[in-house]
Amino acid sequence: MKDNSYQAVMARSNDIMKQAVGIDYTRFVRGRLAFDYQAMMTEAGYSLDEVAAIQQETGVGNTPLYELRNITRLVRLTAPKGKGARIFLKDEAANPSGSFKARRAALSVYHAAKHGYKGVVAATSGNYGAAVASQAAARGLKCIVIQEAFDSRGVYQPEIAEKGRACEAYGAEVLQLSVGPELFYVFLRTLEETGFFNASLYTPFAIAGVETLGWEIARQMREKYQVEPDVVVVTHAGGGNLTGTARGLRKAGCRARVVAASVDLRGLHMASDADFNRKSFTTGHTGFGVPFATWPDRADVPRNAARPLRYMDRYVTVTQGEAFYVTELLAQLEGLERGPAGNISLAAAMALAREMDRDQVVVVQETEYTGAGKHVTAQLSFARQNGIEVRAGDPADSVPGRSIILPEHPGLIRAVDIDLDGLRRSYIKNALAQLDGAELTAADISFLAEDCRCTPEFVQAIAREVK
């Protein structure tokens, strides 16, 4: 019998992953830290056209893109003279499971079916689980979704509970756990015991699936509106959304600046039982966005295909109150009721549009479906039940875990920059910590510089600081 203690299962994790993904990640190693990222990405083995065709088999992709004329008009009322870029929205809620993550799931589930796996497993709090379950149903595979869903009191996050119901509606088995380190352990054991495919968010298949989104944005803007986007705003959590979209934009020859946007939840620890229900956003926040930017390989695969610092031109945050406020603006001004995650980037886009000239274009890269647990009223009611102050005022005065302040006026919606060089420093320091005192090789220095878009000299300077 196998030793299924926590330590033993963790020790077998690389072997379990190799069997469950079908990729030998050791083939790409080029140094102590370095690996051949582009070679790993070609491991998906599908061209952009092939990915689009696979997605179309199950109704994924080719989602509509709208100009938000009323919101643009509102932004211009609060912008300096001559400012107020046009705002466009890619409506990914039109996908079968209601979010862009259907793109990630479509290719992963297709690949699993093609290679004879009987089922797929996903560890996720939400939309991705529903996407995997939906695609598994379409391909005739079994599906298990593992969720971190409640705290030690047994109190569920309403958004996660909503997403769990969606997974079950598509026929998935849902394993719900309390917050803590047991998630990865249960995930590994499930993969090992079932022999199912690891439909991870972070494989080359998942990122290749998102590339069609960036490619469609560029194509639709040219064909329907005869303009090129100047900025594309992407809600940022684990980095796959941003990485895949940016790669797709580049493959379409689009040089738009890619701006990441997250809800500011600094001060709340994502693995803390006490903090778990003191936040009203389960994705798209700094609790994922900053750690994954500064060390992507904290993922459930040996090497993460989502490398956000490679593609991020700017990183901004908004508050919970601003994202909730914009959710209602979108519904009441444009007639589009959509879930909270995409409205993080819409809030950021409104602030950025005020900085930009009127003839410029900013595209909000995604929307998601809404539902009972995702709705603004459910989230704010839950916040009050957990002792969070909810009121109107200046969102800049809000404190994550203590208050949610809805803007009294749309002119109070702001985007606050996160220092990218600070993130790069943290990334390099995290990488150096893996070396146990060993020296960086030339391949390592080159890889780190490429992975966080800096110079080799910057990498070497941080290495000297650490030493």
Protein backbone atom coordinates (compact mmCIF):
# COMPACT_ATOMS: atom_id res chain seq x y z
CA MET A 1 0.00 0.00 0.00
CA LYS A 2 1.17 3.53 -0.79
CA ASP A 3 2.06 5.89 2.01
CA ASN A 4 -0.62 8.59 1.80
CA SER A 5 0.73 10.81 4.54
CA TYR A 6 1.01 14.48 3.64
CA GLN A 7 4.81 14.32 3.38
CA ALA A 8 4.79 11.19 1.21
CA VAL A 9 2.20 12.53 -1.24
CA MET A 10 4.08 15.82 -1.57
CA ALA A 11 7.28 13.88 -2.25
CA ARG A 12 5.52 12.08 -5.14
CA SER A 13 4.04 15.29 -6.59
CA ASN A 14 6.34 15.54 -9.64
CA ASP A 15 5.66 11.94 -10.67
CA ILE A 16 1.91 12.40 -10.14
CA MET A 17 1.93 15.56 -12.24
CA LYS A 18 3.93 13.97 -15.06
CA GLN A 19 1.39 11.16 -15.30
CA ALA A 20 -1.60 13.50 -15.04
CA VAL A 21 -0.46 16.10 -17.60
CA GLY A 22 1.64 13.98 -19.96
CA ILE A 23 4.48 16.54 -20.05
CA ASP A 24 8.01 15.76 -18.91
CA TYR A 25 8.99 19.19 -17.63
CA THR A 26 12.62 18.13 -17.10
CA ARG A 27 13.09 18.25 -20.89
CA PHE A 28 12.99 22.04 -20.78
CA VAL A 29 15.55 22.61 -18.00
CA ARG A 30 18.44 24.84 -19.13
CA GLY A 31 20.09 25.83 -15.84
CA ARG A 32 19.55 25.79 -12.11
CA LEU A 33 16.59 28.14 -12.55
CA ALA A 34 16.31 28.53 -16.31
CA PHE A 35 14.00 26.60 -18.58
CA ASP A 36 13.07 26.96 -22.24
CA TYR A 37 9.70 28.70 -21.98
CA GLN A 38 8.97 28.90 -25.69
CA ALA A 39 9.78 25.22 -26.18
CA MET A 40 7.41 24.36 -23.34
CA MET A 41 4.66 26.46 -24.93
CA THR A 42 5.00 24.56 -28.21
CA GLU A 43 4.39 21.40 -26.19
CA ALA A 44 0.68 22.15 -26.48
CA GLY A 45 1.11 21.03 -30.07
CA TYR A 46 -1.77 23.07 -31.50
CA SER A 47 -1.65 26.08 -33.81
CA LEU A 48 -3.84 29.11 -33.13
CA ASP A 49 -6.16 28.07 -35.96
CA GLU A 50 -6.41 24.54 -34.55
CA VAL A 51 -7.22 25.86 -31.08
CA ALA A 52 -9.97 28.09 -32.52
CA ALA A 53 -11.45 25.13 -34.44
CA ILE A 54 -11.38 22.89 -31.33
CA GLN A 55 -13.10 25.59 -29.28
CA GLN A 56 -15.78 26.10 -31.93
CA GLU A 57 -16.71 22.39 -31.74
CA THR A 58 -18.19 23.09 -28.29
CA GLY A 59 -19.40 26.65 -28.92
CA VAL A 60 -16.46 28.42 -27.27
CA GLY A 61 -15.07 31.72 -28.59
CA ASN A 62 -16.14 34.23 -31.24
CA THR A 63 -17.81 36.22 -28.46
CA PRO A 64 -19.20 39.72 -29.19
CA LEU A 65 -17.31 42.96 -28.64
CA TYR A 66 -19.25 46.12 -27.79
CA GLU A 67 -18.48 49.82 -27.56
CA LEU A 68 -19.64 51.13 -24.17
CA ARG A 69 -20.88 54.47 -25.46
CA ASN A 70 -22.80 55.51 -22.35
CA ILE A 71 -19.95 54.70 -19.97
CA THR A 72 -17.52 56.50 -22.29
CA ARG A 73 -19.81 59.55 -22.18
CA LEU A 74 -19.86 59.39 -18.37
CA VAL A 75 -16.07 59.16 -18.22
CA ARG A 76 -15.73 62.23 -20.44
CA LEU A 77 -17.94 64.23 -18.08
CA THR A 78 -15.37 63.63 -15.31
CA ALA A 79 -12.20 63.87 -17.46
CA PRO A 80 -10.00 66.89 -18.25
CA LYS A 81 -10.67 68.66 -21.54
CA GLY A 82 -9.68 66.55 -24.54
CA LYS A 83 -9.42 63.39 -22.44
CA GLY A 84 -11.68 60.36 -22.19
CA ALA A 85 -10.77 57.40 -24.42
CA ARG A 86 -13.42 55.22 -26.03
CA ILE A 87 -14.13 52.09 -23.95
CA PHE A 88 -14.90 48.72 -25.53
CA LEU A 89 -15.87 45.43 -23.87
CA LYS A 90 -15.24 41.83 -24.96
CA ASP A 91 -18.27 39.89 -23.69
CA GLU A 92 -16.87 36.52 -22.60
CA ALA A 93 -20.05 35.76 -20.65
CA ALA A 94 -21.34 34.54 -24.03
CA ASN A 95 -19.21 31.38 -23.69
CA PRO A 96 -21.04 28.14 -22.70
CA SER A 97 -20.04 28.30 -19.02
CA GLY A 98 -20.23 32.09 -18.83
CA SER A 99 -16.58 33.15 -18.68
CA PHE A 100 -13.35 33.31 -20.68
CA LYS A 101 -12.18 30.24 -18.79
CA ALA A 102 -14.18 28.11 -21.22
CA ARG A 103 -11.28 28.82 -23.60
CA ARG A 104 -8.73 27.39 -21.16
CA ALA A 105 -10.90 24.38 -20.44
CA ALA A 106 -11.83 23.62 -24.04
CA LEU A 107 -8.30 22.77 -25.18
CA SER A 108 -7.34 20.95 -21.97
CA VAL A 109 -10.44 18.73 -22.03
CA TYR A 110 -10.06 18.08 -25.77
CA HIS A 111 -6.43 17.04 -25.19
CA ALA A 112 -7.45 14.75 -22.32
CA ALA A 113 -10.09 13.04 -24.46
CA LYS A 114 -7.70 12.71 -27.39
CA HIS A 115 -5.12 10.96 -25.21
CA GLY A 116 -7.53 8.50 -23.62
CA TYR A 117 -8.06 9.95 -20.16
CA LYS A 118 -11.42 8.97 -18.68
CA GLY A 119 -11.87 12.16 -16.74
CA VAL A 120 -10.41 15.52 -15.68
CA VAL A 121 -9.67 17.13 -12.32
CA ALA A 122 -9.47 20.87 -11.56
CA ALA A 123 -8.56 22.63 -8.32
CA THR A 124 -10.30 26.01 -8.40
CA SER A 125 -12.62 28.22 -6.38
CA GLY A 126 -14.93 28.89 -9.23
CA ASN A 127 -15.39 29.87 -12.87
CA TYR A 128 -12.70 27.54 -14.14
CA GLY A 129 -14.31 24.57 -12.41
CA ALA A 130 -17.61 25.33 -14.15
CA ALA A 131 -15.76 25.69 -17.46
CA VAL A 132 -14.00 22.33 -17.07
CA ALA A 133 -17.24 20.65 -16.00
CA SER A 134 -19.07 22.13 -18.99
CA GLN A 135 -16.42 21.03 -21.48
CA ALA A 136 -16.13 17.58 -19.89
CA ALA A 137 -19.87 17.12 -20.31
CA ALA A 138 -19.59 18.11 -23.97
CA ARG A 139 -16.72 15.64 -24.54
CA GLY A 140 -18.22 12.79 -22.53
CA LEU A 141 -15.58 12.77 -19.77
CA LYS A 142 -15.99 12.57 -16.01
CA CYS A 143 -15.07 15.63 -13.98
CA ILE A 144 -14.01 16.30 -10.39
CA VAL A 145 -13.71 19.87 -9.11
CA ILE A 146 -11.91 20.56 -5.81
CA GLN A 147 -12.83 23.83 -4.11
CA GLU A 148 -11.49 25.76 -1.14
CA ALA A 149 -14.97 26.86 -0.13
CA PHE A 150 -15.44 27.69 3.56
CA ASP A 151 -13.70 28.64 6.78
CA SER A 152 -13.29 26.58 9.96
CA ARG A 153 -16.78 27.65 11.08
CA GLY A 154 -18.23 25.99 7.97
CA VAL A 155 -19.26 29.39 6.55
CA TYR A 156 -19.19 29.46 2.75
CA GLN A 157 -18.11 32.34 0.56
CA PRO A 158 -21.33 33.09 -1.39
CA GLU A 159 -19.53 33.43 -4.72
CA ILE A 160 -17.75 30.10 -4.27
CA ALA A 161 -21.01 28.40 -3.25
CA GLU A 162 -22.61 29.80 -6.42
CA LYS A 163 -19.80 28.42 -8.55
CA GLY A 164 -20.02 25.04 -6.81
CA ARG A 165 -23.67 24.81 -7.79
CA ALA A 166 -22.72 25.63 -11.38
CA CYS A 167 -20.13 22.81 -11.43
CA GLU A 168 -22.71 20.33 -10.13
CA ALA A 169 -25.24 21.51 -12.72
CA TYR A 170 -22.80 20.40 -15.43
CA GLY A 171 -22.53 16.97 -13.79
CA ALA A 172 -19.22 17.35 -11.96
CA GLU A 173 -18.42 15.83 -8.59
CA VAL A 174 -17.45 18.71 -6.30
CA LEU A 175 -15.14 18.19 -3.31
CA GLN A 176 -15.35 21.22 -1.01
CA LEU A 177 -12.65 21.92 1.58
CA SER A 178 -11.87 24.51 4.22
CA VAL A 179 -9.14 27.07 3.56
CA GLY A 180 -5.64 25.72 4.15
CA PRO A 181 -2.84 23.52 2.77
CA GLU A 182 -5.04 20.44 2.36
CA LEU A 183 -6.26 21.64 -1.07
CA PHE A 184 -3.10 20.62 -2.93
CA TYR A 185 -2.82 17.37 -0.97
CA VAL A 186 -6.38 16.33 -1.82
CA PHE A 187 -5.81 17.40 -5.42
CA LEU A 188 -2.71 15.19 -5.76
CA ARG A 189 -4.40 12.20 -4.16
CA THR A 190 -7.41 12.57 -6.45
CA LEU A 191 -5.19 12.65 -9.53
CA GLU A 192 -3.22 9.63 -8.36
CA GLU A 193 -6.23 7.54 -7.39
CA THR A 194 -8.35 8.27 -10.48
CA GLY A 195 -5.69 8.47 -13.19
CA PHE A 196 -7.59 11.49 -14.55
CA PHE A 197 -6.03 14.37 -16.49
CA ASN A 198 -4.85 17.45 -14.58
CA ALA A 199 -6.86 20.21 -16.26
CA SER A 200 -4.66 22.79 -14.56
CA LEU A 201 -5.02 26.50 -15.17
CA TYR A 202 -1.27 26.65 -15.72
CA THR A 203 -0.37 24.11 -18.43
CA PRO A 204 0.60 25.14 -21.98
CA PHE A 205 -2.84 23.86 -23.08
CA ALA A 206 -4.67 26.28 -20.78
CA ILE A 207 -2.62 29.30 -21.88
CA ALA A 208 -2.87 28.40 -25.58
CA GLY A 209 -6.64 28.33 -25.11
CA VAL A 210 -6.65 31.98 -24.01
CA GLU A 211 -4.55 33.13 -26.97
CA THR A 212 -7.65 33.06 -29.17
CA LEU A 213 -9.15 35.77 -26.94
CA GLY A 214 -6.36 38.26 -27.62
CA TRP A 215 -6.36 37.36 -31.30
CA GLU A 216 -10.15 37.92 -31.54
CA ILE A 217 -9.93 41.32 -29.82
CA ALA A 218 -7.40 42.55 -32.39
CA ARG A 219 -9.36 41.13 -35.33
CA GLN A 220 -12.77 42.41 -34.19
CA MET A 221 -11.49 45.91 -33.43
CA ARG A 222 -10.00 46.13 -36.94
CA GLU A 223 -12.92 44.60 -38.81
CA LYS A 224 -15.85 46.12 -36.91
CA TYR A 225 -14.47 49.48 -35.75
CA GLN A 226 -11.41 50.06 -38.01
CA VAL A 227 -9.22 50.98 -35.03
CA GLU A 228 -6.33 49.47 -33.11
CA PRO A 229 -6.62 49.28 -29.31
CA ASP A 230 -4.12 51.45 -27.47
CA VAL A 231 -4.64 49.66 -24.15
CA VAL A 232 -6.11 46.28 -23.24
CA VAL A 233 -7.02 45.90 -19.56
CA VAL A 234 -6.93 42.38 -18.13
CA THR A 235 -8.18 41.28 -14.71
CA HIS A 236 -5.14 39.67 -13.09
CA ALA A 237 -5.04 36.82 -10.58
CA GLY A 238 -2.90 33.78 -11.39
CA GLY A 239 -1.55 35.31 -14.59
CA GLY A 240 -2.97 32.96 -17.23
CA ASN A 241 -5.59 35.44 -18.39
CA LEU A 242 -2.98 38.12 -18.98
CA THR A 243 -0.35 35.79 -20.46
CA GLY A 244 -2.68 34.13 -22.96
CA THR A 245 -4.39 37.36 -24.00
CA ALA A 246 -1.08 39.17 -24.52
CA ARG A 247 0.34 36.29 -26.56
CA GLY A 248 -2.79 36.28 -28.74
CA LEU A 249 -2.58 40.05 -29.27
CA ARG A 250 1.07 39.72 -30.32
CA LYS A 251 0.27 36.87 -32.71
CA ALA A 252 -2.32 39.17 -34.31
CA GLY A 253 0.33 41.88 -34.72
CA CYS A 254 -1.32 44.13 -32.12
CA ARG A 255 1.06 46.20 -30.00
CA ALA A 256 -1.48 47.53 -27.47
CA ARG A 257 -0.19 48.12 -23.96
CA VAL A 258 -1.35 45.34 -21.66
CA VAL A 259 -2.48 46.64 -18.27
CA ALA A 260 -3.16 44.22 -15.41
CA ALA A 261 -5.89 45.13 -12.91
CA SER A 262 -6.58 43.60 -9.49
CA VAL A 263 -8.73 44.45 -6.48
CA ASP A 264 -6.55 45.75 -3.67
CA LEU A 265 -6.76 43.22 -0.84
CA ARG A 266 -3.35 43.94 0.64
CA GLY A 267 -3.26 43.13 4.34
CA LEU A 268 -5.47 40.05 3.97
CA HIS A 269 -3.73 36.67 3.80
CA MET A 270 -5.32 34.29 1.30
CA ALA A 271 -4.39 31.18 3.31
CA SER A 272 -5.72 32.65 6.56
CA ASP A 273 -8.85 31.09 8.00
CA ALA A 274 -9.66 34.37 9.76
CA ASP A 275 -9.29 36.45 6.57
CA PHE A 276 -11.05 34.03 4.20
CA ASN A 277 -14.52 35.52 4.63
CA ARG A 278 -13.38 39.10 5.17
CA LYS A 279 -12.92 39.62 1.44
CA SER A 280 -15.68 39.99 -1.12
CA PHE A 281 -13.69 38.93 -4.17
CA THR A 282 -12.53 35.35 -4.67
CA THR A 283 -10.39 36.06 -7.74
CA GLY A 284 -8.82 39.00 -9.52
CA HIS A 285 -7.26 40.40 -6.36
CA THR A 286 -3.76 41.15 -5.10
CA GLY A 287 -3.80 38.06 -2.88
CA PHE A 288 -3.27 36.06 -6.07
CA GLY A 289 -2.03 38.74 -8.45
CA VAL A 290 1.08 39.76 -6.51
CA PRO A 291 2.26 36.28 -5.37
CA PHE A 292 1.83 34.78 -8.84
CA ALA A 293 3.61 37.70 -10.47
CA THR A 294 6.55 37.42 -8.06
CA TRP A 295 6.78 33.61 -8.13
CA PRO A 296 4.69 31.94 -10.86
CA ASP A 297 5.92 28.43 -10.08
CA ARG A 298 3.80 28.23 -6.93
CA ALA A 299 1.29 26.52 -9.25
CA ASP A 300 -0.03 22.94 -9.44
CA VAL A 301 2.40 22.02 -12.24
CA PRO A 302 6.23 21.94 -12.06
CA ARG A 303 6.61 24.91 -14.45
CA ASN A 304 3.86 27.46 -14.83
CA ALA A 305 3.01 28.49 -18.41
CA ALA A 306 1.47 31.72 -17.03
CA ARG A 307 4.36 34.21 -16.71
CA PRO A 308 2.67 37.62 -16.22
CA LEU A 309 5.78 39.77 -15.81
CA ARG A 310 6.85 38.78 -19.34
CA TYR A 311 3.80 40.53 -20.78
CA MET A 312 2.66 43.16 -18.26
CA ASP A 313 3.20 46.80 -19.27
CA ARG A 314 1.50 48.25 -16.20
CA TYR A 315 -0.22 46.92 -13.07
CA VAL A 316 -2.98 48.87 -11.30
CA THR A 317 -5.40 48.21 -8.46
CA VAL A 318 -8.95 49.31 -7.71
CA THR A 319 -10.97 48.85 -4.52
CA GLN A 320 -13.79 46.41 -3.87
CA GLY A 321 -16.25 49.30 -3.66
CA GLU A 322 -15.20 50.65 -7.05
CA ALA A 323 -15.63 47.26 -8.73
CA PHE A 324 -19.10 46.80 -7.18
CA TYR A 325 -20.11 50.32 -8.21
CA VAL A 326 -18.99 49.72 -11.80
CA THR A 327 -20.92 46.43 -11.86
CA GLU A 328 -24.11 48.44 -11.36
CA LEU A 329 -23.00 51.13 -13.84
CA LEU A 330 -22.57 48.50 -16.55
CA ALA A 331 -26.04 47.10 -15.88
CA GLN A 332 -27.84 50.42 -15.61
CA LEU A 333 -26.04 52.40 -18.32
CA GLU A 334 -25.33 49.67 -20.88
CA GLY A 335 -27.96 47.03 -20.08
CA LEU A 336 -25.33 44.34 -19.38
CA GLU A 337 -25.57 42.61 -16.00
CA ARG A 338 -22.29 40.79 -15.55
CA GLY A 339 -20.38 39.22 -12.69
CA PRO A 340 -17.71 40.89 -10.58
CA ALA A 341 -14.39 39.66 -12.01
CA GLY A 342 -14.55 41.43 -15.37
CA ASN A 343 -15.78 44.61 -13.71
CA ILE A 344 -12.44 44.89 -11.91
CA SER A 345 -10.80 45.65 -15.25
CA LEU A 346 -13.76 47.84 -16.28
CA ALA A 347 -13.28 49.99 -13.17
CA ALA A 348 -9.58 50.30 -13.99
CA ALA A 349 -10.42 51.08 -17.65
CA MET A 350 -12.68 53.98 -16.61
CA ALA A 351 -9.84 55.50 -14.58
CA LEU A 352 -7.30 54.93 -17.36
CA ALA A 353 -9.65 56.37 -20.02
CA ARG A 354 -9.70 59.67 -18.10
CA GLU A 355 -5.91 59.87 -18.58
CA MET A 356 -6.05 59.09 -22.31
CA ASP A 357 -6.94 61.27 -25.31
CA ARG A 358 -10.44 61.11 -26.78
CA ASP A 359 -9.25 59.52 -30.00
CA GLN A 360 -7.60 56.63 -28.13
CA VAL A 361 -9.14 53.23 -27.42
CA VAL A 362 -9.14 51.05 -24.30
CA VAL A 363 -10.54 47.51 -24.40
CA VAL A 364 -11.83 45.64 -21.33
CA GLN A 365 -10.81 42.11 -22.15
CA GLU A 366 -13.57 40.02 -20.52
CA THR A 367 -16.86 39.72 -18.71
CA GLU A 368 -18.29 36.81 -16.70
CA TYR A 369 -21.78 35.57 -15.96
CA THR A 370 -23.53 36.68 -12.80
CA GLY A 371 -25.66 34.62 -10.41
CA ALA A 372 -27.12 34.55 -6.93
CA GLY A 373 -23.84 34.32 -5.02
CA LYS A 374 -21.90 36.59 -7.37
CA HIS A 375 -24.37 39.46 -7.25
CA VAL A 376 -23.46 42.77 -5.60
CA THR A 377 -26.28 42.49 -3.06
CA ALA A 378 -25.22 39.00 -1.97
CA GLN A 379 -21.60 40.04 -1.55
CA LEU A 380 -22.35 43.25 0.35
CA SER A 381 -24.87 41.50 2.61
CA PHE A 382 -22.25 38.84 3.39
CA ALA A 383 -19.69 41.56 4.11
CA ARG A 384 -22.02 43.20 6.63
CA GLN A 385 -22.67 39.83 8.29
CA ASN A 386 -18.91 39.52 8.80
CA GLY A 387 -18.60 42.93 10.42
CA ILE A 388 -17.41 44.85 7.35
CA GLU A 389 -18.52 48.47 7.15
CA VAL A 390 -20.34 49.21 3.86
CA ARG A 391 -21.07 52.83 2.95
CA ALA A 392 -20.78 55.49 0.26
CA GLY A 393 -17.85 57.88 0.26
CA ASP A 394 -14.32 58.04 -1.11
CA PRO A 395 -13.04 54.54 -1.98
CA ALA A 396 -9.50 55.67 -1.18
CA ASP A 397 -10.50 55.58 2.50
CA SER A 398 -11.44 51.87 2.43
CA VAL A 399 -9.43 49.28 4.36
CA PRO A 400 -9.51 45.69 3.05
CA GLY A 401 -11.18 43.40 5.56
CA ARG A 402 -12.69 46.33 7.48
CA SER A 403 -14.61 48.53 5.04
CA ILE A 404 -16.06 48.62 1.54
CA ILE A 405 -16.67 52.17 0.35
CA LEU A 406 -18.75 52.72 -2.76
CA PRO A 407 -17.87 55.89 -4.72
CA GLU A 408 -20.18 58.84 -4.10
CA HIS A 409 -19.33 60.04 -7.60
CA PRO A 410 -17.90 58.29 -10.70
CA GLY A 411 -15.02 60.77 -10.70
CA LEU A 412 -13.75 59.03 -7.55
CA ILE A 413 -12.93 55.83 -9.45
CA ARG A 414 -9.13 55.65 -9.54
CA ALA A 415 -6.41 53.25 -10.67
CA VAL A 416 -3.47 53.00 -8.28
CA ASP A 417 -0.17 51.81 -9.75
CA ILE A 418 1.86 48.93 -8.36
CA ASP A 419 5.60 49.39 -8.85
CA LEU A 420 6.69 46.85 -11.49
CA ASP A 421 10.35 47.14 -10.55
CA GLY A 422 9.36 46.23 -6.99
CA LEU A 423 7.64 43.11 -8.32
CA ARG A 424 10.69 42.27 -10.41
CA ARG A 425 12.92 42.56 -7.36
CA SER A 426 10.65 40.23 -5.41
CA TYR A 427 10.55 37.75 -8.29
CA ILE A 428 14.35 37.63 -8.57
CA LYS A 429 14.77 37.28 -4.80
CA ASN A 430 12.25 34.43 -4.75
CA ALA A 431 14.15 32.76 -7.58
CA LEU A 432 17.49 33.16 -5.81
CA ALA A 433 16.02 31.56 -2.70
CA GLN A 434 15.66 28.33 -4.68
CA LEU A 435 19.43 28.11 -5.21
CA ASP A 436 20.48 27.36 -1.62
CA GLY A 437 23.53 29.58 -2.01
CA ALA A 438 24.62 28.26 -5.42
CA GLU A 439 25.81 30.73 -8.05
CA LEU A 440 23.63 31.89 -10.92
CA THR A 441 24.66 30.52 -14.30
CA ALA A 442 24.70 32.66 -17.45
CA ALA A 443 21.57 30.76 -18.59
CA ASP A 444 19.84 31.59 -15.30
CA ILE A 445 20.62 35.31 -15.61
CA SER A 446 19.35 35.42 -19.18
CA PHE A 447 16.18 33.53 -18.25
CA LEU A 448 15.37 35.74 -15.26
CA ALA A 449 15.89 38.89 -17.32
CA GLU A 450 13.53 37.59 -19.98
CA ASP A 451 10.98 36.30 -17.47
CA CYS A 452 10.53 39.67 -15.78
CA ARG A 453 11.39 41.99 -18.69
CA CYS A 454 14.50 43.57 -17.26
CA THR A 455 18.19 43.68 -18.12
CA PRO A 456 20.75 41.05 -17.07
CA GLU A 457 22.47 43.85 -15.16
CA PHE A 458 19.30 44.38 -13.09
CA VAL A 459 19.26 40.66 -12.22
CA GLN A 460 22.93 40.71 -11.23
CA ALA A 461 22.44 43.82 -9.08
CA ILE A 462 19.65 42.13 -7.11
CA ALA A 463 21.81 39.01 -6.75
CA ARG A 464 24.61 41.13 -5.27
CA GLU A 465 22.12 42.76 -2.85
CA VAL A 466 20.93 39.34 -1.68
CA LYS A 467 24.48 38.07 -1.30
